[in-house]
């Protein structure tokens, strides 16, 4: 199922967001969660938009460091948006 990566990203006042493709069994949500938590960032909300795409709201305004860590872990279909307060 193709998802428009821009469609579900709406700027939040306080929280950064990541829209990421997770194709099991190659990559898993648990691995994404582990990478985020290792950075000391809390996941506020997770929304499964399809079997392969997840929207994750974080308690961090700037998501660039998290996106870089996910890319380094082999995730490639990622879109992020910083909070307005950043």
N, C-alpha and C. Protein backbone atom coordinates (compact mmCIF):
# COMPACT_ATOMS: atom_id res chain seq x y z
N UNK A 1 0.84 -1.18 0.00
CA UNK A 1 0.00 0.00 0.00
C UNK A 1 0.89 1.24 0.00
N UNK A 2 0.72 2.09 -0.97
CA UNK A 2 1.51 3.31 -1.05
C UNK A 2 0.88 4.39 -0.16
N UNK A 3 1.71 5.07 0.57
CA UNK A 3 1.26 6.16 1.45
C UNK A 3 1.97 7.43 1.01
N UNK A 4 1.22 8.51 0.94
CA UNK A 4 1.84 9.81 0.68
C UNK A 4 2.52 10.25 1.97
N UNK A 5 3.85 10.28 1.97
CA UNK A 5 4.59 10.59 3.19
C UNK A 5 4.33 11.99 3.71
N UNK A 6 3.80 12.88 2.90
CA UNK A 6 3.51 14.24 3.37
C UNK A 6 2.12 14.35 3.97
N UNK A 7 1.24 13.45 3.62
CA UNK A 7 -0.17 13.58 3.97
C UNK A 7 -0.41 13.63 5.47
N UNK A 8 0.22 12.75 6.23
CA UNK A 8 -0.09 12.63 7.65
C UNK A 8 0.80 13.47 8.56
N UNK A 9 1.72 14.21 8.01
CA UNK A 9 2.60 15.03 8.83
C UNK A 9 2.03 16.45 8.93
N UNK A 10 1.49 16.74 10.08
CA UNK A 10 0.99 18.07 10.36
C UNK A 10 1.77 18.59 11.56
N UNK A 11 2.26 19.79 11.46
CA UNK A 11 3.11 20.36 12.50
C UNK A 11 2.37 20.41 13.84
N UNK A 12 3.05 19.98 14.87
CA UNK A 12 2.53 20.03 16.23
C UNK A 12 3.29 21.13 16.98
N UNK A 13 2.62 21.79 17.90
CA UNK A 13 3.25 22.88 18.64
C UNK A 13 4.43 22.41 19.49
N UNK A 14 4.32 21.23 20.11
CA UNK A 14 5.31 20.79 21.08
C UNK A 14 6.11 19.55 20.72
N UNK A 15 5.60 18.73 19.80
CA UNK A 15 6.20 17.42 19.56
C UNK A 15 6.68 17.24 18.13
N UNK A 16 7.87 16.68 17.99
CA UNK A 16 8.36 16.28 16.68
C UNK A 16 7.70 14.97 16.27
N UNK A 17 7.66 14.71 14.96
CA UNK A 17 7.01 13.51 14.47
C UNK A 17 7.85 12.85 13.39
N UNK A 18 7.73 11.52 13.33
CA UNK A 18 8.41 10.74 12.30
C UNK A 18 7.40 9.82 11.66
N UNK A 19 7.40 9.81 10.34
CA UNK A 19 6.62 8.85 9.57
C UNK A 19 7.62 7.90 8.94
N UNK A 20 7.49 6.61 9.24
CA UNK A 20 8.51 5.65 8.84
C UNK A 20 7.89 4.38 8.27
N UNK A 21 8.55 3.85 7.25
CA UNK A 21 8.15 2.57 6.69
C UNK A 21 8.86 1.47 7.46
N UNK A 22 8.09 0.50 7.94
CA UNK A 22 8.64 -0.65 8.67
C UNK A 22 8.10 -1.91 7.99
N UNK A 23 8.98 -2.58 7.28
CA UNK A 23 8.58 -3.81 6.59
C UNK A 23 9.13 -5.02 7.32
N UNK A 24 8.24 -5.68 8.05
CA UNK A 24 8.62 -6.91 8.74
C UNK A 24 8.84 -7.98 7.68
N UNK A 25 9.67 -8.95 7.81
CA UNK A 25 10.51 -9.26 8.95
C UNK A 25 11.86 -8.57 8.88
N UNK A 26 12.09 -7.73 7.86
CA UNK A 26 13.40 -7.10 7.68
C UNK A 26 13.68 -6.05 8.75
N UNK A 27 12.71 -5.27 9.08
CA UNK A 27 12.83 -4.24 10.11
C UNK A 27 11.60 -4.35 11.00
N UNK A 28 11.73 -3.92 12.26
CA UNK A 28 10.60 -4.06 13.18
C UNK A 28 10.34 -2.77 13.95
N UNK A 29 9.10 -2.63 14.40
CA UNK A 29 8.76 -1.48 15.23
C UNK A 29 9.53 -1.52 16.54
N UNK A 30 9.72 -2.71 17.09
CA UNK A 30 10.47 -2.84 18.35
C UNK A 30 11.89 -2.28 18.20
N UNK A 31 12.51 -2.50 17.04
CA UNK A 31 13.85 -1.96 16.80
C UNK A 31 13.82 -0.44 16.73
N UNK A 32 12.82 0.11 16.06
CA UNK A 32 12.65 1.57 15.98
C UNK A 32 12.47 2.13 17.39
N UNK A 33 11.61 1.51 18.16
CA UNK A 33 11.35 1.92 19.53
C UNK A 33 12.64 1.89 20.37
N UNK A 34 13.43 0.85 20.21
CA UNK A 34 14.69 0.71 20.95
C UNK A 34 15.67 1.83 20.59
N UNK A 35 15.79 2.13 19.29
CA UNK A 35 16.69 3.19 18.82
C UNK A 35 16.28 4.54 19.41
N UNK A 36 14.99 4.81 19.39
CA UNK A 36 14.48 6.08 19.93
C UNK A 36 14.74 6.17 21.43
N UNK A 37 14.45 5.10 22.16
CA UNK A 37 14.61 5.11 23.61
C UNK A 37 16.08 5.18 24.03
N UNK A 38 16.98 4.60 23.22
CA UNK A 38 18.41 4.69 23.52
C UNK A 38 18.90 6.14 23.48
N UNK A 39 18.21 6.98 22.72
CA UNK A 39 18.55 8.40 22.66
C UNK A 39 17.92 9.19 23.81
N UNK A 40 17.19 8.50 24.68
CA UNK A 40 16.56 9.16 25.82
C UNK A 40 15.29 9.91 25.46
N UNK A 41 14.66 9.50 24.38
CA UNK A 41 13.46 10.19 23.91
C UNK A 41 12.25 9.28 24.13
N UNK A 42 11.17 9.88 24.59
CA UNK A 42 9.95 9.13 24.88
C UNK A 42 8.98 9.23 23.70
N UNK A 43 8.35 8.12 23.39
CA UNK A 43 7.32 8.08 22.35
C UNK A 43 6.01 8.49 23.00
N UNK A 44 5.40 9.55 22.47
CA UNK A 44 4.14 10.07 23.00
C UNK A 44 2.95 9.30 22.43
N UNK A 45 3.01 9.06 21.12
CA UNK A 45 1.88 8.41 20.44
C UNK A 45 2.39 7.68 19.21
N UNK A 46 1.78 6.54 18.94
CA UNK A 46 2.10 5.77 17.74
C UNK A 46 0.80 5.51 17.00
N UNK A 47 0.82 5.77 15.70
CA UNK A 47 -0.37 5.55 14.88
C UNK A 47 0.04 4.71 13.67
N UNK A 48 -0.54 3.51 13.56
CA UNK A 48 -0.27 2.64 12.41
C UNK A 48 -1.19 3.06 11.27
N UNK A 49 -0.60 3.61 10.22
CA UNK A 49 -1.37 4.13 9.10
C UNK A 49 -1.68 3.06 8.06
N UNK A 50 -0.86 2.03 8.04
CA UNK A 50 -1.04 0.89 7.14
C UNK A 50 -0.19 -0.24 7.73
N UNK A 51 -0.19 -1.41 7.10
CA UNK A 51 0.67 -2.48 7.63
C UNK A 51 2.16 -2.12 7.62
N UNK A 52 2.58 -1.19 6.76
CA UNK A 52 4.00 -0.87 6.62
C UNK A 52 4.40 0.52 7.11
N UNK A 53 3.46 1.40 7.40
CA UNK A 53 3.81 2.78 7.78
C UNK A 53 3.29 3.13 9.17
N UNK A 54 4.17 3.77 9.96
CA UNK A 54 3.84 4.15 11.32
C UNK A 54 4.19 5.62 11.52
N UNK A 55 3.28 6.36 12.13
CA UNK A 55 3.51 7.75 12.50
C UNK A 55 3.81 7.78 14.00
N UNK A 56 4.97 8.33 14.36
CA UNK A 56 5.42 8.34 15.75
C UNK A 56 5.60 9.78 16.21
N UNK A 57 4.90 10.12 17.29
CA UNK A 57 5.02 11.45 17.89
C UNK A 57 5.98 11.33 19.07
N UNK A 58 6.96 12.22 19.13
CA UNK A 58 8.03 12.15 20.13
C UNK A 58 8.00 13.33 21.08
N UNK A 59 8.55 13.13 22.28
CA UNK A 59 8.61 14.23 23.25
C UNK A 59 9.83 15.12 23.01
N UNK A 60 10.29 15.18 21.80
CA UNK A 60 11.44 16.00 21.41
C UNK A 60 11.02 16.90 20.26
N UNK A 61 11.40 18.14 20.31
CA UNK A 61 11.01 19.09 19.27
C UNK A 61 11.79 18.89 17.97
N UNK A 62 13.07 18.55 18.08
CA UNK A 62 13.94 18.41 16.91
C UNK A 62 14.20 16.92 16.66
N UNK A 63 13.78 16.40 15.50
CA UNK A 63 13.86 14.97 15.22
C UNK A 63 15.04 14.59 14.33
N UNK A 64 15.89 15.53 13.98
CA UNK A 64 16.98 15.23 13.04
C UNK A 64 17.92 14.13 13.54
N UNK A 65 18.31 14.17 14.79
CA UNK A 65 19.23 13.17 15.34
C UNK A 65 18.61 11.77 15.30
N UNK A 66 17.33 11.67 15.60
CA UNK A 66 16.64 10.38 15.57
C UNK A 66 16.58 9.85 14.15
N UNK A 67 16.25 10.71 13.20
CA UNK A 67 16.18 10.28 11.80
C UNK A 67 17.54 9.78 11.34
N UNK A 68 18.59 10.46 11.69
CA UNK A 68 19.94 10.02 11.33
C UNK A 68 20.24 8.64 11.92
N UNK A 69 19.89 8.42 13.18
CA UNK A 69 20.11 7.12 13.82
C UNK A 69 19.32 6.02 13.12
N UNK A 70 18.10 6.31 12.71
CA UNK A 70 17.28 5.31 12.02
C UNK A 70 17.85 4.99 10.64
N UNK A 71 18.33 6.00 9.95
CA UNK A 71 18.96 5.78 8.64
C UNK A 71 20.21 4.92 8.81
N UNK A 72 21.00 5.20 9.83
CA UNK A 72 22.20 4.41 10.09
C UNK A 72 21.86 2.95 10.41
N UNK A 73 20.66 2.72 10.95
CA UNK A 73 20.21 1.36 11.28
C UNK A 73 19.58 0.66 10.07
N UNK A 74 19.52 1.34 8.93
CA UNK A 74 19.02 0.71 7.72
C UNK A 74 17.62 1.08 7.29
N UNK A 75 16.98 1.98 8.01
CA UNK A 75 15.65 2.46 7.60
C UNK A 75 15.86 3.57 6.58
N UNK A 76 15.09 3.52 5.49
CA UNK A 76 15.34 4.53 4.45
C UNK A 76 14.12 5.36 4.09
N UNK A 77 12.94 4.84 4.28
CA UNK A 77 11.73 5.57 3.91
C UNK A 77 11.21 6.28 5.16
N UNK A 78 11.80 7.45 5.45
CA UNK A 78 11.50 8.20 6.68
C UNK A 78 11.23 9.65 6.33
N UNK A 79 10.26 10.21 7.00
CA UNK A 79 9.97 11.64 6.87
C UNK A 79 9.79 12.18 8.29
N UNK A 80 10.38 13.31 8.59
CA UNK A 80 10.24 13.89 9.91
C UNK A 80 9.84 15.34 9.86
N UNK A 81 9.23 15.81 10.93
CA UNK A 81 8.87 17.22 11.03
C UNK A 81 9.10 17.65 12.48
N UNK A 82 9.80 18.74 12.63
CA UNK A 82 10.07 19.29 13.96
C UNK A 82 8.84 20.00 14.51
N UNK A 83 8.80 20.15 15.83
CA UNK A 83 7.72 20.89 16.47
C UNK A 83 7.84 22.37 16.13
N UNK A 84 6.75 23.09 16.23
CA UNK A 84 6.77 24.52 15.94
C UNK A 84 7.66 25.28 16.90
N UNK A 85 7.77 24.83 18.15
CA UNK A 85 8.55 25.55 19.16
C UNK A 85 10.04 25.38 18.97
N UNK A 86 10.47 24.52 18.06
CA UNK A 86 11.90 24.30 17.85
C UNK A 86 12.53 25.51 17.24
